[in-house]
Amino acid sequence: MKRLLNVLYVTNPDAVVRKRSDAIAVSVDGRQVMSVPFHVLEQVVLFGHVGCSMSLLAACADHGVNVTLLDERGRFSARVEGPVSGNVLLRREQYRRAGIEDEALLVAKRFVMGKLHNTRVVLQRYARDYPDLSPTLKPTIDALQTGKGSVRQASSLDELRGVEGDEAHRYFAVFANLLRINDPEITFSGRSRRPPKDPVNACLSFFYSLLSRDCATACECVGLDPQMGFLHACRPGRASLALDLMEELRAPYVDRFVLSMFNRKQLTSGDFRRDPAGGCFLTDKALKQSVRLWQERKQGQVMHPFLKEKVPLGLLPFIQAQLLARFLRGDLDDYPACMWR
């Protein structure tokens, strides 16, 4: 259980949530472990098979506290709200800003700035932990810092997308150096997808898709439309805002995880299969193992740079979506991208 930004997250599947007077009571194994007054909450998010009483749902509706239900995999299932909701105003402001290039550009710059900063931090950590890599990585680390200036100076969304694409290409040009293993079958020669051509790309694509799903769910939780983005153009069937949100989380959230699985030999070349089209994919057994490691990774604690407190890694998409919603509502002067330290 964690309370952040006036949102109560209940992640323990053994928990039961009930109404107790003017508060929400959370119990585990019959013992109350938390009590939060209704008036200090905006939302309750229940992960998996958390028990919830009908009286609680009714009381939340009366107090203007919406309840979001996610399945055991963290996917959006439903949202319970009272008769009056501010979501329509939030979405109207989201659509308005997304439709005006200058305003969309300001928001999109925050996502790209977070991405470049966090990508640079990942490379700096590897350069520090493996001194032999420093000469190879330093030019890219310096270039990413210069790229931040290009983000600030971008005068259009197309120009900003060009900067983001150039810096992503520069980052992946040195990515293979971060693999600290001697396995000729585990190679990386640049991003490939649809289908991924090697084991590293297979893992990156798979876990990017999981992160994208979490970001889409986070948008749904706070009342944002995951289809209407600022950086990524709208296309039928594409969750553009979810892709926007995940940009700042890709490198520290997914890339480091994928690299650690290979460098710790939790995945080897035998964990992948090839299809007739030349695509490379995880075997069923390796898929289950890597998903288990992913879920364990999401339970780890990290210091949130804006909130200044430790939070579970798996809640970062939800926190960032909530911060974005607050910015769009006017509660925050700017959107604080998650800048890793």
C-alpha atoms as a PDB file:
ATOM      1  CA  MET A   1       0.000   0.000   0.000  1.00  0.00           C
ATOM      2  CA  LYS A   2       1.265   3.469  -0.850  1.00  0.00           C
ATOM      3  CA  ARG A   3      -0.316   6.915  -0.726  1.00  0.00           C
ATOM      4  CA  LEU A   4       1.115   9.374  -3.250  1.00  0.00           C
ATOM      5  CA  LEU A   5      -0.264  12.622  -4.666  1.00  0.00           C
ATOM      6  CA  ASN A   6      -3.626  12.060  -2.897  1.00  0.00           C
ATOM      7  CA  VAL A   7      -3.897   8.666  -4.580  1.00  0.00           C
ATOM      8  CA  LEU A   8      -4.029   5.421  -2.588  1.00  0.00           C
ATOM      9  CA  TYR A   9      -2.421   2.484  -4.404  1.00  0.00           C
ATOM     10  CA  VAL A  10      -3.313  -0.961  -3.040  1.00  0.00           C
ATOM     11  CA  THR A  11      -1.012  -3.554  -4.602  1.00  0.00           C
ATOM     12  CA  ASN A  12      -1.225  -6.412  -2.091  1.00  0.00           C
ATOM     13  CA  PRO A  13      -3.609  -9.073  -3.485  1.00  0.00           C
ATOM     14  CA  ASP A  14      -4.377 -10.204   0.074  1.00  0.00           C
ATOM     15  CA  ALA A  15      -5.694  -6.789   1.051  1.00  0.00           C
ATOM     16  CA  VAL A  16      -9.343  -5.926   1.674  1.00  0.00           C
ATOM     17  CA  VAL A  17     -10.564  -2.342   1.406  1.00  0.00           C
ATOM     18  CA  ARG A  18     -13.625  -1.206   3.379  1.00  0.00           C
ATOM     19  CA  LYS A  19     -15.395   1.910   4.580  1.00  0.00           C
ATOM     20  CA  ARG A  20     -14.820   2.787   8.220  1.00  0.00           C
ATOM     21  CA  SER A  21     -16.718   5.914   9.295  1.00  0.00           C
ATOM     22  CA  ASP A  22     -15.282   8.727   7.134  1.00  0.00           C
ATOM     23  CA  ALA A  23     -12.168   6.834   6.098  1.00  0.00           C
ATOM     24  CA  ILE A  24     -10.943   4.020   3.891  1.00  0.00           C
ATOM     25  CA  ALA A  25      -9.593   1.116   5.930  1.00  0.00           C
ATOM     26  CA  VAL A  26      -7.156  -1.375   4.412  1.00  0.00           C
ATOM     27  CA  SER A  27      -6.820  -4.769   6.103  1.00  0.00           C
ATOM     28  CA  VAL A  28      -4.537  -7.735   5.472  1.00  0.00           C
ATOM     29  CA  ASP A  29      -5.307 -11.106   7.072  1.00  0.00           C
ATOM     30  CA  GLY A  30      -7.988  -9.483   9.211  1.00  0.00           C
ATOM     31  CA  ARG A  31      -5.648  -6.833  10.631  1.00  0.00           C
ATOM     32  CA  GLN A  32      -6.078  -3.164   9.728  1.00  0.00           C
ATOM     33  CA  VAL A  33      -2.810  -1.795   8.340  1.00  0.00           C
ATOM     34  CA  MET A  34      -3.872   1.608   7.042  1.00  0.00           C
ATOM     35  CA  SER A  35      -6.665   4.153   7.346  1.00  0.00           C
ATOM     36  CA  VAL A  36      -6.995   7.180   5.069  1.00  0.00           C
ATOM     37  CA  PRO A  37      -9.777   9.816   5.360  1.00  0.00           C
ATOM     38  CA  PHE A  38     -11.913  10.255   2.232  1.00  0.00           C
ATOM     39  CA  HIS A  39     -11.394  14.020   2.157  1.00  0.00           C
ATOM     40  CA  VAL A  40      -7.631  13.743   1.526  1.00  0.00           C
ATOM     41  CA  LEU A  41      -7.997  11.396  -1.468  1.00  0.00           C
ATOM     42  CA  GLU A  42      -8.771  11.940  -5.136  1.00  0.00           C
ATOM     43  CA  GLN A  43      -8.431   8.328  -6.271  1.00  0.00           C
ATOM     44  CA  VAL A  44      -7.982   4.713  -5.166  1.00  0.00           C
ATOM     45  CA  VAL A  45      -6.189   2.271  -7.481  1.00  0.00           C
ATOM     46  CA  LEU A  46      -6.663  -1.439  -6.802  1.00  0.00           C
ATOM     47  CA  PHE A  47      -4.208  -3.889  -8.384  1.00  0.00           C
ATOM     48  CA  GLY A  48      -5.252  -7.474  -9.062  1.00  0.00           C
ATOM     49  CA  HIS A  49      -7.701  -9.297  -6.818  1.00  0.00           C
ATOM     50  CA  VAL A  50      -7.869  -6.787  -3.961  1.00  0.00           C
ATOM     51  CA  GLY A  51     -11.128  -7.185  -2.044  1.00  0.00           C
ATOM     52  CA  CYS A  52     -13.435  -4.180  -2.037  1.00  0.00           C
ATOM     53  CA  SER A  53     -16.832  -3.721  -0.380  1.00  0.00           C
ATOM     54  CA  MET A  54     -19.861  -2.204  -2.111  1.00  0.00           C
ATOM     55  CA  SER A  55     -20.244   0.266   0.746  1.00  0.00           C
ATOM     56  CA  LEU A  56     -16.736   1.545   0.011  1.00  0.00           C
ATOM     57  CA  LEU A  57     -17.520   2.057  -3.686  1.00  0.00           C
ATOM     58  CA  ALA A  58     -20.686   3.957  -2.789  1.00  0.00           C
ATOM     59  CA  ALA A  59     -18.869   6.097  -0.221  1.00  0.00           C
ATOM     60  CA  CYS A  60     -16.075   6.894  -2.700  1.00  0.00           C
ATOM     61  CA  ALA A  61     -18.674   7.982  -5.253  1.00  0.00           C
ATOM     62  CA  ASP A  62     -20.331  10.226  -2.662  1.00  0.00           C
ATOM     63  CA  HIS A  63     -16.993  11.826  -1.755  1.00  0.00           C
ATOM     64  CA  GLY A  64     -15.862  12.325  -5.356  1.00  0.00           C
ATOM     65  CA  VAL A  65     -13.090   9.712  -5.048  1.00  0.00           C
ATOM     66  CA  ASN A  66     -12.856   7.535  -8.151  1.00  0.00           C
ATOM     67  CA  VAL A  67     -11.840   3.893  -7.849  1.00  0.00           C
ATOM     68  CA  THR A  68      -9.762   2.313 -10.637  1.00  0.00           C
ATOM     69  CA  LEU A  69      -9.570  -1.465 -11.009  1.00  0.00           C
ATOM     70  CA  LEU A  70      -6.571  -3.125 -12.672  1.00  0.00           C
ATOM     71  CA  ASP A  71      -6.219  -6.815 -13.402  1.00  0.00           C
ATOM     72  CA  GLU A  72      -3.449  -9.025 -12.015  1.00  0.00           C
ATOM     73  CA  ARG A  73      -1.191  -7.990 -14.919  1.00  0.00           C
ATOM     74  CA  GLY A  74      -1.697  -4.299 -14.280  1.00  0.00           C
ATOM     75  CA  ARG A  75      -4.035  -3.703 -17.226  1.00  0.00           C
ATOM     76  CA  PHE A  76      -6.927  -1.280 -16.940  1.00  0.00           C
ATOM     77  CA  SER A  77     -10.235  -3.020 -16.209  1.00  0.00           C
ATOM     78  CA  ALA A  78     -12.704  -0.364 -15.044  1.00  0.00           C
ATOM     79  CA  ARG A  79     -13.154   2.928 -13.235  1.00  0.00           C
ATOM     80  CA  VAL A  80     -15.962   3.632 -10.764  1.00  0.00           C
ATOM     81  CA  GLU A  81     -16.977   7.274 -10.406  1.00  0.00           C
ATOM     82  CA  GLY A  82     -19.798   9.300  -8.949  1.00  0.00           C
ATOM     83  CA  PRO A  83     -22.257  11.329 -11.054  1.00  0.00           C
ATOM     84  CA  VAL A  84     -19.967  14.357 -11.290  1.00  0.00           C
ATOM     85  CA  SER A  85     -16.473  13.961 -12.711  1.00  0.00           C
ATOM     86  CA  GLY A  86     -13.736  16.363 -13.760  1.00  0.00           C
ATOM     87  CA  ASN A  87     -12.393  13.999 -16.411  1.00  0.00           C
ATOM     88  CA  VAL A  88     -14.265  15.749 -19.203  1.00  0.00           C
ATOM     89  CA  LEU A  89     -12.564  19.037 -18.304  1.00  0.00           C
ATOM     90  CA  LEU A  90      -9.169  17.349 -18.070  1.00  0.00           C
ATOM     91  CA  ARG A  91      -9.576  15.669 -21.452  1.00  0.00           C
ATOM     92  CA  ARG A  92     -10.864  18.868 -23.029  1.00  0.00           C
ATOM     93  CA  GLU A  93      -7.699  20.632 -21.889  1.00  0.00           C
ATOM     94  CA  GLN A  94      -5.589  17.700 -23.127  1.00  0.00           C
ATOM     95  CA  TYR A  95      -7.215  17.905 -26.571  1.00  0.00           C
ATOM     96  CA  ARG A  96      -6.915  21.687 -26.644  1.00  0.00           C
ATOM     97  CA  ARG A  97      -3.190  21.700 -25.896  1.00  0.00           C
ATOM     98  CA  ALA A  98      -2.485  18.805 -28.231  1.00  0.00           C
ATOM     99  CA  GLY A  99      -4.228  20.703 -31.042  1.00  0.00           C
ATOM    100  CA  ILE A 100      -2.100  23.842 -30.722  1.00  0.00           C
ATOM    101  CA  GLU A 101       1.458  23.161 -31.896  1.00  0.00           C
ATOM    102  CA  ASP A 102       3.194  25.723 -29.672  1.00  0.00           C
ATOM    103  CA  GLU A 103       1.492  24.340 -26.554  1.00  0.00           C
ATOM    104  CA  ALA A 104       1.989  20.726 -27.581  1.00  0.00           C
ATOM    105  CA  LEU A 105       5.654  21.508 -28.237  1.00  0.00           C
ATOM    106  CA  LEU A 106       6.167  22.748 -24.667  1.00  0.00           C
ATOM    107  CA  VAL A 107       4.827  19.479 -23.234  1.00  0.00           C
ATOM    108  CA  ALA A 108       6.641  17.310 -25.794  1.00  0.00           C
ATOM    109  CA  LYS A 109       9.951  18.973 -24.921  1.00  0.00           C
ATOM    110  CA  ARG A 110       9.590  17.780 -21.332  1.00  0.00           C
ATOM    111  CA  PHE A 111       9.292  14.161 -22.461  1.00  0.00           C
ATOM    112  CA  VAL A 112      12.314  14.390 -24.760  1.00  0.00           C
ATOM    113  CA  MET A 113      14.384  16.261 -22.184  1.00  0.00           C
ATOM    114  CA  GLY A 114      13.643  13.505 -19.663  1.00  0.00           C
ATOM    115  CA  LYS A 115      14.584  10.858 -22.204  1.00  0.00           C
ATOM    116  CA  LEU A 116      17.947  12.445 -23.065  1.00  0.00           C
ATOM    117  CA  HIS A 117      18.768  13.062 -19.417  1.00  0.00           C
ATOM    118  CA  ASN A 118      17.960   9.492 -18.350  1.00  0.00           C
ATOM    119  CA  THR A 119      19.710   7.937 -21.343  1.00  0.00           C
ATOM    120  CA  ARG A 120      22.807   9.941 -20.462  1.00  0.00           C
ATOM    121  CA  VAL A 121      22.602   8.822 -16.814  1.00  0.00           C
ATOM    122  CA  VAL A 122      22.532   5.163 -17.888  1.00  0.00           C
ATOM    123  CA  LEU A 123      25.679   5.625 -19.987  1.00  0.00           C
ATOM    124  CA  GLN A 124      27.392   7.545 -17.184  1.00  0.00           C
ATOM    125  CA  ARG A 125      26.728   4.681 -14.767  1.00  0.00           C
ATOM    126  CA  TYR A 126      28.280   2.135 -17.113  1.00  0.00           C
ATOM    127  CA  ALA A 127      31.256   4.427 -17.725  1.00  0.00           C
ATOM    128  CA  ARG A 128      31.735   4.708 -13.961  1.00  0.00           C
ATOM    129  CA  ASP A 129      31.246   1.004 -13.204  1.00  0.00           C
ATOM    130  CA  TYR A 130      33.433  -0.136 -16.119  1.00  0.00           C
ATOM    131  CA  PRO A 131      36.316   2.341 -16.580  1.00  0.00           C
ATOM    132  CA  ASP A 132      37.414   0.606 -19.775  1.00  0.00           C
ATOM    133  CA  LEU A 133      34.157   1.812 -21.370  1.00  0.00           C
ATOM    134  CA  SER A 134      34.682   5.465 -20.515  1.00  0.00           C
ATOM    135  CA  PRO A 135      36.633   6.440 -23.674  1.00  0.00           C
ATOM    136  CA  THR A 136      34.010   4.777 -25.862  1.00  0.00           C
ATOM    137  CA  LEU A 137      30.983   6.230 -24.103  1.00  0.00           C
ATOM    138  CA  LYS A 138      32.219   9.732 -23.300  1.00  0.00           C
ATOM    139  CA  PRO A 139      31.637  11.221 -26.799  1.00  0.00           C
ATOM    140  CA  THR A 140      28.026  10.030 -26.710  1.00  0.00           C
ATOM    141  CA  ILE A 141      27.548  11.233 -23.137  1.00  0.00           C
ATOM    142  CA  ASP A 142      28.803  14.676 -24.199  1.00  0.00           C
ATOM    143  CA  ALA A 143      26.652  14.657 -27.335  1.00  0.00           C
ATOM    144  CA  LEU A 144      23.528  13.859 -25.338  1.00  0.00           C
ATOM    145  CA  GLN A 145      24.237  16.870 -23.140  1.00  0.00           C
ATOM    146  CA  THR A 146      24.528  19.009 -26.262  1.00  0.00           C
ATOM    147  CA  GLY A 147      21.295  17.435 -27.482  1.00  0.00           C
ATOM    148  CA  LYS A 148      19.484  18.917 -24.494  1.00  0.00           C
ATOM    149  CA  GLY A 149      20.298  22.350 -25.868  1.00  0.00           C
ATOM    150  CA  SER A 150      18.879  21.346 -29.237  1.00  0.00           C
ATOM    151  CA  VAL A 151      15.666  20.263 -27.492  1.00  0.00           C
ATOM    152  CA  ARG A 152      15.321  23.680 -25.844  1.00  0.00           C
ATOM    153  CA  GLN A 153      15.872  25.457 -29.151  1.00  0.00           C
ATOM    154  CA  ALA A 154      13.512  23.295 -31.244  1.00  0.00           C
ATOM    155  CA  SER A 155      10.862  25.525 -32.813  1.00  0.00           C
ATOM    156  CA  SER A 156       8.480  22.834 -34.105  1.00  0.00           C
ATOM    157  CA  LEU A 157       7.337  19.327 -33.284  1.00  0.00           C
ATOM    158  CA  ASP A 158       8.981  17.989 -36.432  1.00  0.00           C
ATOM    159  CA  GLU A 159      12.298  19.557 -35.438  1.00  0.00           C
ATOM    160  CA  LEU A 160      11.964  18.127 -31.923  1.00  0.00           C
ATOM    161  CA  ARG A 161      11.193  14.673 -33.303  1.00  0.00           C
ATOM    162  CA  GLY A 162      14.286  14.958 -35.481  1.00  0.00           C
ATOM    163  CA  VAL A 163      16.448  15.755 -32.449  1.00  0.00           C
ATOM    164  CA  GLU A 164      14.925  12.851 -30.500  1.00  0.00           C
ATOM    165  CA  GLY A 165      15.537  10.450 -33.378  1.00  0.00           C
ATOM    166  CA  ASP A 166      19.148  11.573 -33.865  1.00  0.00           C
ATOM    167  CA  GLU A 167      19.968  11.203 -30.175  1.00  0.00           C
ATOM    168  CA  ALA A 168      18.282   7.791 -29.961  1.00  0.00           C
ATOM    169  CA  HIS A 169      20.361   6.622 -32.941  1.00  0.00           C
ATOM    170  CA  ARG A 170      23.522   7.963 -31.270  1.00  0.00           C
ATOM    171  CA  TYR A 171      22.679   6.124 -28.032  1.00  0.00           C
ATOM    172  CA  PHE A 172      21.984   2.789 -29.697  1.00  0.00           C
ATOM    173  CA  ALA A 173      25.203   3.103 -31.724  1.00  0.00           C
ATOM    174  CA  VAL A 174      27.148   2.463 -28.479  1.00  0.00           C
ATOM    175  CA  PHE A 175      24.570   0.219 -26.803  1.00  0.00           C
ATOM    176  CA  ALA A 176      26.351  -3.034 -27.726  1.00  0.00           C
ATOM    177  CA  ASN A 177      29.318  -1.951 -25.574  1.00  0.00           C
ATOM    178  CA  LEU A 178      27.119  -2.262 -22.484  1.00  0.00           C
ATOM    179  CA  LEU A 179      26.846  -6.031 -22.981  1.00  0.00           C
ATOM    180  CA  ARG A 180      29.555  -7.485 -20.734  1.00  0.00           C
ATOM    181  CA  ILE A 181      29.416 -11.073 -21.972  1.00  0.00           C
ATOM    182  CA  ASN A 182      31.363 -13.227 -24.414  1.00  0.00           C
ATOM    183  CA  ASP A 183      28.626 -14.948 -26.370  1.00  0.00           C
ATOM    184  CA  PRO A 184      28.787 -14.627 -30.170  1.00  0.00           C
ATOM    185  CA  GLU A 185      25.045 -15.328 -30.372  1.00  0.00           C
ATOM    186  CA  ILE A 186      24.155 -12.355 -28.159  1.00  0.00           C
ATOM    187  CA  THR A 187      24.783  -9.391 -30.425  1.00  0.00           C
ATOM    188  CA  PHE A 188      23.323  -5.958 -31.054  1.00  0.00           C
ATOM    189  CA  SER A 189      23.954  -3.897 -34.172  1.00  0.00           C
ATOM    190  CA  GLY A 190      21.213  -1.310 -33.804  1.00  0.00           C
ATOM    191  CA  ARG A 191      17.481  -1.269 -33.172  1.00  0.00           C
ATOM    192  CA  SER A 192      15.414  -3.661 -35.251  1.00  0.00           C
ATOM    193  CA  ARG A 193      11.726  -4.424 -34.810  1.00  0.00           C
ATOM    194  CA  ARG A 194       8.782  -5.986 -36.603  1.00  0.00           C
ATOM    195  CA  PRO A 195      10.436  -8.438 -36.273  1.00  0.00           C
ATOM    196  CA  PRO A 196      13.424  -8.032 -33.908  1.00  0.00           C
ATOM    197  CA  LYS A 197      16.527  -9.583 -35.476  1.00  0.00           C
ATOM    198  CA  ASP A 198      18.565 -10.550 -32.407  1.00  0.00           C
ATOM    199  CA  PRO A 199      18.075 -11.534 -28.730  1.00  0.00           C
ATOM    200  CA  VAL A 200      18.732  -8.020 -27.381  1.00  0.00           C
ATOM    201  CA  ASN A 201      16.202  -6.433 -29.715  1.00  0.00           C
ATOM    202  CA  ALA A 202      13.726  -9.197 -28.905  1.00  0.00           C
ATOM    203  CA  CYS A 203      13.908  -8.298 -25.206  1.00  0.00           C
ATOM    204  CA  LEU A 204      13.854  -4.547 -25.774  1.00  0.00           C
ATOM    205  CA  SER A 205      10.776  -4.757 -27.984  1.00  0.00           C
ATOM    206  CA  PHE A 206       8.935  -7.066 -25.593  1.00  0.00           C
ATOM    207  CA  PHE A 207       9.563  -5.010 -22.469  1.00  0.00           C
ATOM    208  CA  TYR A 208       8.948  -1.711 -24.246  1.00  0.00           C
ATOM    209  CA  SER A 209       5.514  -3.110 -25.099  1.00  0.00           C
ATOM    210  CA  LEU A 210       4.913  -3.975 -21.416  1.00  0.00           C
ATOM    211  CA  LEU A 211       5.981  -0.487 -20.342  1.00  0.00           C
ATOM    212  CA  SER A 212       3.745   1.056 -23.006  1.00  0.00           C
ATOM    213  CA  ARG A 213       0.820  -0.942 -21.657  1.00  0.00           C
ATOM    214  CA  ASP A 214       1.544   0.252 -18.106  1.00  0.00           C
ATOM    215  CA  CYS A 215       1.683   3.862 -19.325  1.00  0.00           C
ATOM    216  CA  ALA A 216      -1.630   3.483 -21.176  1.00  0.00           C
ATOM    217  CA  THR A 217      -3.193   2.046 -18.029  1.00  0.00           C
ATOM    218  CA  ALA A 218      -1.775   4.939 -15.995  1.00  0.00           C
ATOM    219  CA  CYS A 219      -3.364   7.432 -18.384  1.00  0.00           C
ATOM    220  CA  GLU A 220      -6.724   5.685 -18.051  1.00  0.00           C
ATOM    221  CA  CYS A 221      -6.393   5.728 -14.263  1.00  0.00           C
ATOM    222  CA  VAL A 222      -6.121   9.508 -14.047  1.00  0.00           C
ATOM    223  CA  GLY A 223      -8.687  10.273 -16.749  1.00  0.00           C
ATOM    224  CA  LEU A 224      -6.327  11.132 -19.605  1.00  0.00           C
ATOM    225  CA  ASP A 225      -6.929   9.853 -23.126  1.00  0.00           C
ATOM    226  CA  PRO A 226      -3.988   7.532 -23.907  1.00  0.00           C
ATOM    227  CA  GLN A 227      -4.617   7.978 -27.646  1.00  0.00           C
ATOM    228  CA  MET A 228      -4.064  11.766 -27.714  1.00  0.00           C
ATOM    229  CA  GLY A 229      -0.350  12.512 -27.487  1.00  0.00           C
ATOM    230  CA  PHE A 230       1.856  15.575 -27.728  1.00  0.00           C
ATOM    231  CA  LEU A 231       5.163  14.241 -29.064  1.00  0.00           C
ATOM    232  CA  HIS A 232       3.814  11.234 -30.958  1.00  0.00           C
ATOM    233  CA  ALA A 233       1.310  12.062 -33.683  1.00  0.00           C
ATOM    234  CA  CYS A 234      -2.134  10.534 -33.408  1.00  0.00           C
ATOM    235  CA  ARG A 235      -2.771   7.399 -35.442  1.00  0.00           C
ATOM    236  CA  PRO A 236      -5.680   4.947 -35.296  1.00  0.00           C
ATOM    237  CA  GLY A 237      -4.992   2.228 -32.735  1.00  0.00           C
ATOM    238  CA  ARG A 238      -1.857   3.875 -31.312  1.00  0.00           C
ATOM    239  CA  ALA A 239      -1.702   4.987 -27.668  1.00  0.00           C
ATOM    240  CA  SER A 240       0.294   8.127 -28.481  1.00  0.00           C
ATOM    241  CA  LEU A 241       0.211   9.648 -24.998  1.00  0.00           C
ATOM    242  CA  ALA A 242       1.375   6.355 -23.483  1.00  0.00           C
ATOM    243  CA  LEU A 243       4.322   6.432 -25.905  1.00  0.00           C
ATOM    244  CA  ASP A 244       5.025  10.024 -24.850  1.00  0.00           C
ATOM    245  CA  LEU A 245       5.113   9.082 -21.176  1.00  0.00           C
ATOM    246  CA  MET A 246       7.327   6.057 -21.675  1.00  0.00           C
ATOM    247  CA  GLU A 247      10.056   8.016 -23.481  1.00  0.00           C
ATOM    248  CA  GLU A 248      11.574   9.294 -20.253  1.00  0.00           C
ATOM    249  CA  LEU A 249      11.382   5.814 -18.675  1.00  0.00           C
ATOM    250  CA  ARG A 250      12.787   3.663 -21.496  1.00  0.00           C
ATOM    251  CA  ALA A 251      16.493   3.740 -20.640  1.00  0.00           C
ATOM    252  CA  PRO A 252      16.443   3.433 -16.829  1.00  0.00           C
ATOM    253  CA  TYR A 253      13.315   1.267 -16.664  1.00  0.00           C
ATOM    254  CA  VAL A 254      13.739  -1.178 -19.564  1.00  0.00           C
ATOM    255  CA  ASP A 255      17.245  -0.855 -21.028  1.00  0.00           C
ATOM    256  CA  ARG A 256      19.059  -1.361 -17.722  1.00  0.00           C
ATOM    257  CA  PHE A 257      16.794  -4.317 -16.906  1.00  0.00           C
ATOM    258  CA  VAL A 258      17.444  -6.016 -20.256  1.00  0.00           C
ATOM    259  CA  LEU A 259      21.188  -5.442 -20.017  1.00  0.00           C
ATOM    260  CA  SER A 260      21.281  -6.833 -16.489  1.00  0.00           C
ATOM    261  CA  MET A 261      19.513 -10.038 -17.551  1.00  0.00           C
ATOM    262  CA  PHE A 262      22.159 -10.688 -20.208  1.00  0.00           C
ATOM    263  CA  ASN A 263      25.135  -9.534 -18.128  1.00  0.00           C
ATOM    264  CA  ARG A 264      24.052 -11.706 -15.196  1.00  0.00           C
ATOM    265  CA  LYS A 265      23.489 -14.613 -17.609  1.00  0.00           C
ATOM    266  CA  GLN A 266      19.857 -14.879 -16.575  1.00  0.00           C
ATOM    267  CA  LEU A 267      19.235 -15.095 -20.327  1.00  0.00           C
ATOM    268  CA  THR A 268      21.504 -16.900 -22.787  1.00  0.00           C
ATOM    269  CA  SER A 269      21.388 -17.626 -26.499  1.00  0.00           C
ATOM    270  CA  GLY A 270      19.513 -20.867 -25.791  1.00  0.00           C
ATOM    271  CA  ASP A 271      16.546 -18.860 -24.502  1.00  0.00           C
ATOM    272  CA  PHE A 272      15.629 -17.599 -27.972  1.00  0.00           C
ATOM    273  CA  ARG A 273      14.064 -19.068 -31.097  1.00  0.00           C
ATOM    274  CA  ARG A 274      14.094 -17.953 -34.719  1.00  0.00           C
ATOM    275  CA  ASP A 275      11.144 -17.901 -37.100  1.00  0.00           C
ATOM    276  CA  PRO A 276      11.245 -18.407 -40.893  1.00  0.00           C
ATOM    277  CA  ALA A 277      11.106 -14.637 -41.474  1.00  0.00           C
ATOM    278  CA  GLY A 278      14.353 -14.154 -39.525  1.00  0.00           C
ATOM    279  CA  GLY A 279      12.725 -12.795 -36.396  1.00  0.00           C
ATOM    280  CA  CYS A 280      14.133 -13.585 -32.955  1.00  0.00           C
ATOM    281  CA  PHE A 281      11.862 -14.215 -29.974  1.00  0.00           C
ATOM    282  CA  LEU A 282      12.009 -15.487 -26.405  1.00  0.00           C
ATOM    283  CA  THR A 283      11.072 -19.123 -25.880  1.00  0.00           C
ATOM    284  CA  ASP A 284       7.993 -19.776 -23.752  1.00  0.00           C
ATOM    285  CA  LYS A 285      10.100 -20.871 -20.790  1.00  0.00           C
ATOM    286  CA  ALA A 286      12.405 -17.827 -21.039  1.00  0.00           C
ATOM    287  CA  LEU A 287       9.403 -15.558 -21.444  1.00  0.00           C
ATOM    288  CA  LYS A 288       7.908 -16.741 -18.149  1.00  0.00           C
ATOM    289  CA  GLN A 289      11.254 -16.379 -16.380  1.00  0.00           C
ATOM    290  CA  SER A 290      11.922 -12.874 -17.701  1.00  0.00           C
ATOM    291  CA  VAL A 291       8.401 -11.693 -16.842  1.00  0.00           C
ATOM    292  CA  ARG A 292       8.910 -12.967 -13.304  1.00  0.00           C
ATOM    293  CA  LEU A 293      12.167 -10.991 -13.078  1.00  0.00           C
ATOM    294  CA  TRP A 294      10.371  -7.965 -14.511  1.00  0.00           C
ATOM    295  CA  GLN A 295       7.689  -8.130 -11.822  1.00  0.00           C
ATOM    296  CA  GLU A 296      10.365  -8.417  -9.140  1.00  0.00           C
ATOM    297  CA  ARG A 297      12.176  -5.433 -10.643  1.00  0.00           C
ATOM    298  CA  LYS A 298       9.003  -3.340 -10.489  1.00  0.00           C
ATOM    299  CA  GLN A 299       8.736  -3.945  -6.749  1.00  0.00           C
ATOM    300  CA  GLY A 300      12.135  -2.335  -6.111  1.00  0.00           C
ATOM    301  CA  GLN A 301      12.197   1.073  -4.423  1.00  0.00           C
ATOM    302  CA  VAL A 302      13.547   4.199  -6.135  1.00  0.00           C
ATOM    303  CA  MET A 303      13.767   7.807  -5.017  1.00  0.00           C
ATOM    304  CA  HIS A 304      11.356   9.918  -7.038  1.00  0.00           C
ATOM    305  CA  PRO A 305      13.197  13.131  -7.985  1.00  0.00           C
ATOM    306  CA  PHE A 306      10.114  15.363  -7.738  1.00  0.00           C
ATOM    307  CA  LEU A 307       8.273  13.826  -4.782  1.00  0.00           C
ATOM    308  CA  LYS A 308      11.536  13.359  -2.843  1.00  0.00           C
ATOM    309  CA  GLU A 309      10.440  10.019  -1.423  1.00  0.00           C
ATOM    310  CA  LYS A 310      10.989   6.371  -2.210  1.00  0.00           C
ATOM    311  CA  VAL A 311       8.354   4.712  -4.366  1.00  0.00           C
ATOM    312  CA  PRO A 312       8.004   1.283  -5.998  1.00  0.00           C
ATOM    313  CA  LEU A 313       9.464   1.341  -9.493  1.00  0.00           C
ATOM    314  CA  GLY A 314       6.236  -0.108 -10.869  1.00  0.00           C
ATOM    315  CA  LEU A 315       4.300   2.986  -9.773  1.00  0.00           C
ATOM    316  CA  LEU A 316       6.422   5.431 -11.786  1.00  0.00           C
ATOM    317  CA  PRO A 317       4.125   5.431 -14.855  1.00  0.00           C
ATOM    318  CA  PHE A 318       1.144   6.116 -12.593  1.00  0.00           C
ATOM    319  CA  ILE A 319       2.920   8.918 -10.744  1.00  0.00           C
ATOM    320  CA  GLN A 320       4.035  10.587 -13.982  1.00  0.00           C
ATOM    321  CA  ALA A 321       0.528  10.344 -15.447  1.00  0.00           C
ATOM    322  CA  GLN A 322      -0.863  11.933 -12.286  1.00  0.00           C
ATOM    323  CA  LEU A 323       1.711  14.739 -12.470  1.00  0.00           C
ATOM    324  CA  LEU A 324       0.845  15.331 -16.125  1.00  0.00           C
ATOM    325  CA  ALA A 325      -2.867  15.502 -15.265  1.00  0.00           C
ATOM    326  CA  ARG A 326      -2.148  18.001 -12.516  1.00  0.00           C
ATOM    327  CA  PHE A 327      -0.138  20.135 -14.913  1.00  0.00           C
ATOM    328  CA  LEU A 328      -2.948  20.106 -17.477  1.00  0.00           C
ATOM    329  CA  ARG A 329      -5.446  21.061 -14.770  1.00  0.00           C
ATOM    330  CA  GLY A 330      -3.264  24.005 -13.766  1.00  0.00           C
ATOM    331  CA  ASP A 331      -2.287  22.607 -10.362  1.00  0.00           C
ATOM    332  CA  LEU A 332       1.389  22.574 -11.417  1.00  0.00           C
ATOM    333  CA  ASP A 333       3.216  25.278 -13.366  1.00  0.00           C
ATOM    334  CA  ASP A 334       5.109  22.701 -15.419  1.00  0.00           C
ATOM    335  CA  TYR A 335       5.211  18.974 -16.029  1.00  0.00           C
ATOM    336  CA  PRO A 336       8.126  17.504 -14.023  1.00  0.00           C
ATOM    337  CA  ALA A 337       9.631  14.730 -16.128  1.00  0.00           C
ATOM    338  CA  CYS A 338      11.155  11.885 -14.114  1.00  0.00           C
ATOM    339  CA  MET A 339      14.837  12.873 -14.243  1.00  0.00           C
ATOM    340  CA  TRP A 340      16.884   9.931 -12.959  1.00  0.00           C
ATOM    341  CA  ARG A 341      19.846  10.512 -10.651  1.00  0.00           C
END
